[in-house]
């Protein structure tokens, strides 16, 4: 004789249900969970796409240099120069 199934208490069956597939608990709940998860993922992807498009638009319309007209070499931090010591 086989040992009792560990899932038997979770899937009670009547004698009239013998041979039929047992009820699957929380199937609708899992479907709702999956749907909600998919909807959240789609919304996050949509927001990410909007943000990336806005950033690309900003980069495309921005002027080539800084707004004050200075060049990149002007705004770069400079290292203090030490006087050369010739030996």
N, C-alpha and C. Protein backbone atom coordinates (compact mmCIF):
# COMPACT_ATOMS: atom_id res chain seq x y z
N UNK A 1 0.85 -1.18 0.00
CA UNK A 1 0.00 0.00 0.00
C UNK A 1 0.89 1.24 0.00
N UNK A 2 0.49 2.23 -0.76
CA UNK A 2 1.26 3.46 -0.88
C UNK A 2 1.05 4.35 0.36
N UNK A 3 2.07 5.10 0.71
CA UNK A 3 1.88 6.03 1.83
C UNK A 3 0.91 7.14 1.41
N UNK A 4 0.29 7.78 2.37
CA UNK A 4 -0.64 8.86 2.00
C UNK A 4 0.11 9.98 1.30
N UNK A 5 -0.52 10.54 0.32
CA UNK A 5 0.09 11.62 -0.45
C UNK A 5 0.22 12.86 0.41
N UNK A 6 1.34 13.58 0.30
CA UNK A 6 1.49 14.80 1.10
C UNK A 6 0.52 15.90 0.67
N UNK A 7 -0.02 15.80 -0.55
CA UNK A 7 -0.93 16.84 -1.00
C UNK A 7 -2.39 16.45 -0.76
N UNK A 8 -2.62 15.27 -0.26
CA UNK A 8 -3.99 14.82 -0.05
C UNK A 8 -4.80 15.76 0.84
N UNK A 9 -4.28 16.26 1.95
CA UNK A 9 -5.09 17.15 2.78
C UNK A 9 -5.45 18.46 2.06
N UNK A 10 -4.62 18.89 1.13
CA UNK A 10 -4.88 20.15 0.43
C UNK A 10 -5.90 19.97 -0.68
N UNK A 11 -6.09 18.74 -1.14
CA UNK A 11 -7.00 18.48 -2.25
C UNK A 11 -8.03 17.45 -1.81
N UNK A 12 -9.00 17.83 -0.98
CA UNK A 12 -9.98 16.84 -0.55
C UNK A 12 -10.83 16.38 -1.73
N UNK A 13 -11.08 15.10 -1.78
CA UNK A 13 -11.88 14.53 -2.86
C UNK A 13 -13.05 13.76 -2.27
N UNK A 14 -14.10 13.82 -2.98
CA UNK A 14 -15.24 12.99 -2.63
C UNK A 14 -15.12 11.68 -3.42
N UNK A 15 -15.85 10.67 -2.98
CA UNK A 15 -15.79 9.40 -3.71
C UNK A 15 -16.28 9.58 -5.14
N UNK A 16 -17.22 10.50 -5.37
CA UNK A 16 -17.74 10.69 -6.72
C UNK A 16 -16.70 11.35 -7.63
N UNK A 17 -15.67 11.96 -7.03
CA UNK A 17 -14.63 12.60 -7.82
C UNK A 17 -13.49 11.65 -8.15
N UNK A 18 -13.61 10.39 -7.78
CA UNK A 18 -12.50 9.46 -8.00
C UNK A 18 -12.19 9.37 -9.48
N UNK A 19 -10.92 9.54 -9.81
CA UNK A 19 -10.50 9.45 -11.20
C UNK A 19 -10.51 10.78 -11.92
N UNK A 20 -11.06 11.80 -11.30
CA UNK A 20 -11.09 13.12 -11.92
C UNK A 20 -9.95 13.97 -11.37
N UNK A 21 -9.59 14.96 -12.10
CA UNK A 21 -8.56 15.86 -11.61
C UNK A 21 -9.10 16.64 -10.42
N UNK A 22 -8.29 16.79 -9.42
CA UNK A 22 -8.71 17.52 -8.23
C UNK A 22 -8.76 19.01 -8.49
N UNK A 23 -9.46 19.72 -7.64
CA UNK A 23 -9.51 21.17 -7.81
C UNK A 23 -8.14 21.80 -7.55
N UNK A 24 -7.84 22.80 -8.31
CA UNK A 24 -6.58 23.49 -8.13
C UNK A 24 -6.88 24.73 -7.29
N UNK A 25 -6.38 24.78 -6.07
CA UNK A 25 -6.71 25.93 -5.22
C UNK A 25 -6.02 27.20 -5.70
N UNK A 26 -6.71 28.28 -5.56
CA UNK A 26 -6.16 29.62 -5.82
C UNK A 26 -5.69 29.80 -7.26
N UNK A 27 -6.28 29.10 -8.20
CA UNK A 27 -5.86 29.28 -9.60
C UNK A 27 -6.18 30.70 -10.05
N UNK A 28 -7.38 31.15 -9.73
CA UNK A 28 -7.76 32.49 -10.15
C UNK A 28 -6.88 33.53 -9.45
N UNK A 29 -6.58 33.28 -8.21
CA UNK A 29 -5.73 34.20 -7.48
C UNK A 29 -4.35 34.27 -8.12
N UNK A 30 -3.81 33.13 -8.53
CA UNK A 30 -2.50 33.14 -9.19
C UNK A 30 -2.58 33.85 -10.54
N UNK A 31 -3.67 33.64 -11.27
CA UNK A 31 -3.82 34.35 -12.55
C UNK A 31 -3.89 35.85 -12.32
N UNK A 32 -4.65 36.25 -11.29
CA UNK A 32 -4.73 37.67 -10.99
C UNK A 32 -3.36 38.21 -10.57
N UNK A 33 -2.64 37.40 -9.80
CA UNK A 33 -1.30 37.81 -9.37
C UNK A 33 -0.39 37.98 -10.58
N UNK A 34 -0.42 37.02 -11.50
CA UNK A 34 0.42 37.10 -12.70
C UNK A 34 0.03 38.29 -13.57
N UNK A 35 -1.28 38.53 -13.68
CA UNK A 35 -1.75 39.66 -14.48
C UNK A 35 -1.29 40.97 -13.87
N UNK A 36 -1.43 41.08 -12.55
CA UNK A 36 -1.01 42.32 -11.89
C UNK A 36 0.49 42.51 -12.03
N UNK A 37 1.25 41.44 -11.91
CA UNK A 37 2.71 41.52 -12.05
C UNK A 37 3.08 41.96 -13.46
N UNK A 38 2.40 41.36 -14.45
CA UNK A 38 2.67 41.72 -15.84
C UNK A 38 2.31 43.17 -16.11
N UNK A 39 1.19 43.62 -15.55
CA UNK A 39 0.77 45.02 -15.74
C UNK A 39 1.77 45.98 -15.10
N UNK A 40 2.27 45.63 -13.91
CA UNK A 40 3.27 46.49 -13.26
C UNK A 40 4.55 46.55 -14.08
N UNK A 41 4.96 45.40 -14.63
CA UNK A 41 6.17 45.37 -15.45
C UNK A 41 6.00 46.20 -16.71
N UNK A 42 4.84 46.07 -17.36
CA UNK A 42 4.59 46.85 -18.57
C UNK A 42 4.58 48.34 -18.26
N UNK A 43 3.98 48.72 -17.13
CA UNK A 43 3.94 50.14 -16.76
C UNK A 43 5.35 50.66 -16.48
N UNK A 44 6.17 49.86 -15.81
CA UNK A 44 7.55 50.27 -15.53
C UNK A 44 8.34 50.42 -16.82
N UNK A 45 8.16 49.50 -17.75
CA UNK A 45 8.86 49.59 -19.04
C UNK A 45 8.39 50.81 -19.83
N UNK A 46 7.08 51.09 -19.76
CA UNK A 46 6.55 52.25 -20.46
C UNK A 46 7.13 53.55 -19.89
N UNK A 47 7.19 53.64 -18.55
CA UNK A 47 7.77 54.83 -17.92
C UNK A 47 9.25 54.97 -18.26
N UNK A 48 9.97 53.85 -18.27
CA UNK A 48 11.39 53.87 -18.61
C UNK A 48 11.59 54.36 -20.05
N UNK A 49 10.75 53.89 -20.94
CA UNK A 49 10.85 54.30 -22.34
C UNK A 49 10.57 55.81 -22.47
N UNK A 50 9.54 56.29 -21.76
CA UNK A 50 9.24 57.72 -21.81
C UNK A 50 10.43 58.54 -21.30
N UNK A 51 11.03 58.09 -20.20
CA UNK A 51 12.16 58.82 -19.63
C UNK A 51 13.35 58.81 -20.59
N UNK A 52 13.61 57.66 -21.23
CA UNK A 52 14.73 57.58 -22.18
C UNK A 52 14.48 58.45 -23.40
N UNK A 53 13.24 58.47 -23.88
CA UNK A 53 12.92 59.32 -25.03
C UNK A 53 13.09 60.80 -24.68
N UNK A 54 12.64 61.18 -23.49
CA UNK A 54 12.78 62.57 -23.06
C UNK A 54 14.25 62.94 -22.93
N UNK A 55 15.05 62.04 -22.41
CA UNK A 55 16.49 62.30 -22.28
C UNK A 55 17.13 62.44 -23.66
N UNK A 56 16.75 61.56 -24.59
CA UNK A 56 17.31 61.63 -25.95
C UNK A 56 16.90 62.94 -26.62
N UNK A 57 15.63 63.36 -26.40
CA UNK A 57 15.17 64.62 -26.96
C UNK A 57 15.95 65.79 -26.38
N UNK A 58 16.21 65.73 -25.08
CA UNK A 58 16.97 66.81 -24.43
C UNK A 58 18.39 66.87 -24.97
N UNK A 59 19.00 65.72 -25.16
CA UNK A 59 20.36 65.71 -25.71
C UNK A 59 20.38 66.19 -27.15
N UNK A 60 19.35 65.85 -27.91
CA UNK A 60 19.31 66.24 -29.33
C UNK A 60 19.10 67.74 -29.49
N UNK A 61 18.36 68.35 -28.58
CA UNK A 61 18.06 69.78 -28.72
C UNK A 61 19.01 70.66 -27.94
N UNK A 62 19.87 70.08 -27.11
CA UNK A 62 20.80 70.87 -26.30
C UNK A 62 21.91 71.45 -27.18
N UNK A 63 22.41 72.61 -26.83
CA UNK A 63 23.53 73.15 -27.59
C UNK A 63 24.77 72.28 -27.40
N UNK A 64 25.70 72.41 -28.32
CA UNK A 64 26.88 71.54 -28.30
C UNK A 64 27.77 71.79 -27.10
N UNK A 65 27.88 73.03 -26.68
CA UNK A 65 28.78 73.36 -25.57
C UNK A 65 28.01 73.78 -24.33
N UNK A 66 28.72 74.18 -23.30
CA UNK A 66 28.04 74.68 -22.09
C UNK A 66 27.24 75.93 -22.39
N UNK A 67 26.26 76.23 -21.56
CA UNK A 67 25.36 77.35 -21.80
C UNK A 67 26.05 78.70 -21.73
N UNK A 68 27.13 78.82 -20.95
CA UNK A 68 27.80 80.12 -20.80
C UNK A 68 28.78 80.42 -21.92
N UNK A 69 28.93 79.53 -22.88
CA UNK A 69 29.80 79.79 -24.01
C UNK A 69 31.24 79.40 -23.79
N UNK A 70 31.56 78.91 -22.62
CA UNK A 70 32.95 78.50 -22.38
C UNK A 70 33.21 77.16 -23.07
N UNK A 71 34.44 76.84 -23.20
CA UNK A 71 34.80 75.57 -23.83
C UNK A 71 35.02 74.51 -22.76
N UNK A 72 35.09 73.29 -23.18
CA UNK A 72 35.29 72.20 -22.23
C UNK A 72 36.63 72.32 -21.52
N UNK A 73 37.64 72.83 -22.24
CA UNK A 73 38.96 72.95 -21.61
C UNK A 73 38.96 74.06 -20.55
N UNK A 74 38.07 75.06 -20.72
CA UNK A 74 37.97 76.12 -19.71
C UNK A 74 37.36 75.60 -18.42
N UNK A 75 36.39 74.71 -18.56
CA UNK A 75 35.68 74.24 -17.37
C UNK A 75 36.35 73.04 -16.73
N UNK A 76 37.35 72.48 -17.38
CA UNK A 76 38.02 71.32 -16.80
C UNK A 76 38.86 71.74 -15.61
N UNK A 77 38.83 70.98 -14.54
CA UNK A 77 39.67 71.34 -13.39
C UNK A 77 41.14 71.21 -13.76
N UNK A 78 41.89 72.14 -13.30
CA UNK A 78 43.32 72.14 -13.65
C UNK A 78 44.12 71.65 -12.45
N UNK A 79 45.15 70.89 -12.77
CA UNK A 79 46.05 70.45 -11.71
C UNK A 79 47.02 71.59 -11.42
N UNK A 80 47.32 71.79 -10.15
CA UNK A 80 48.32 72.82 -9.86
C UNK A 80 49.67 72.41 -10.43
N UNK A 81 50.29 73.33 -11.08
CA UNK A 81 51.59 73.01 -11.69
C UNK A 81 52.69 73.32 -10.70
N UNK A 82 53.57 72.39 -10.57
CA UNK A 82 54.72 72.60 -9.69
C UNK A 82 55.89 73.07 -10.56
N UNK A 83 56.68 73.92 -10.03
CA UNK A 83 57.84 74.35 -10.82
C UNK A 83 58.77 73.16 -11.05
N UNK A 84 59.25 73.08 -12.26
CA UNK A 84 60.15 71.96 -12.60
C UNK A 84 61.48 72.14 -11.91
N UNK A 85 61.97 71.07 -11.41
CA UNK A 85 63.29 71.12 -10.79
C UNK A 85 64.27 70.37 -11.68
N UNK A 86 65.16 71.09 -12.26
CA UNK A 86 66.17 70.48 -13.12
C UNK A 86 67.36 70.08 -12.27
N UNK A 87 67.81 68.90 -12.41
CA UNK A 87 68.99 68.44 -11.65
C UNK A 87 70.25 68.66 -12.42
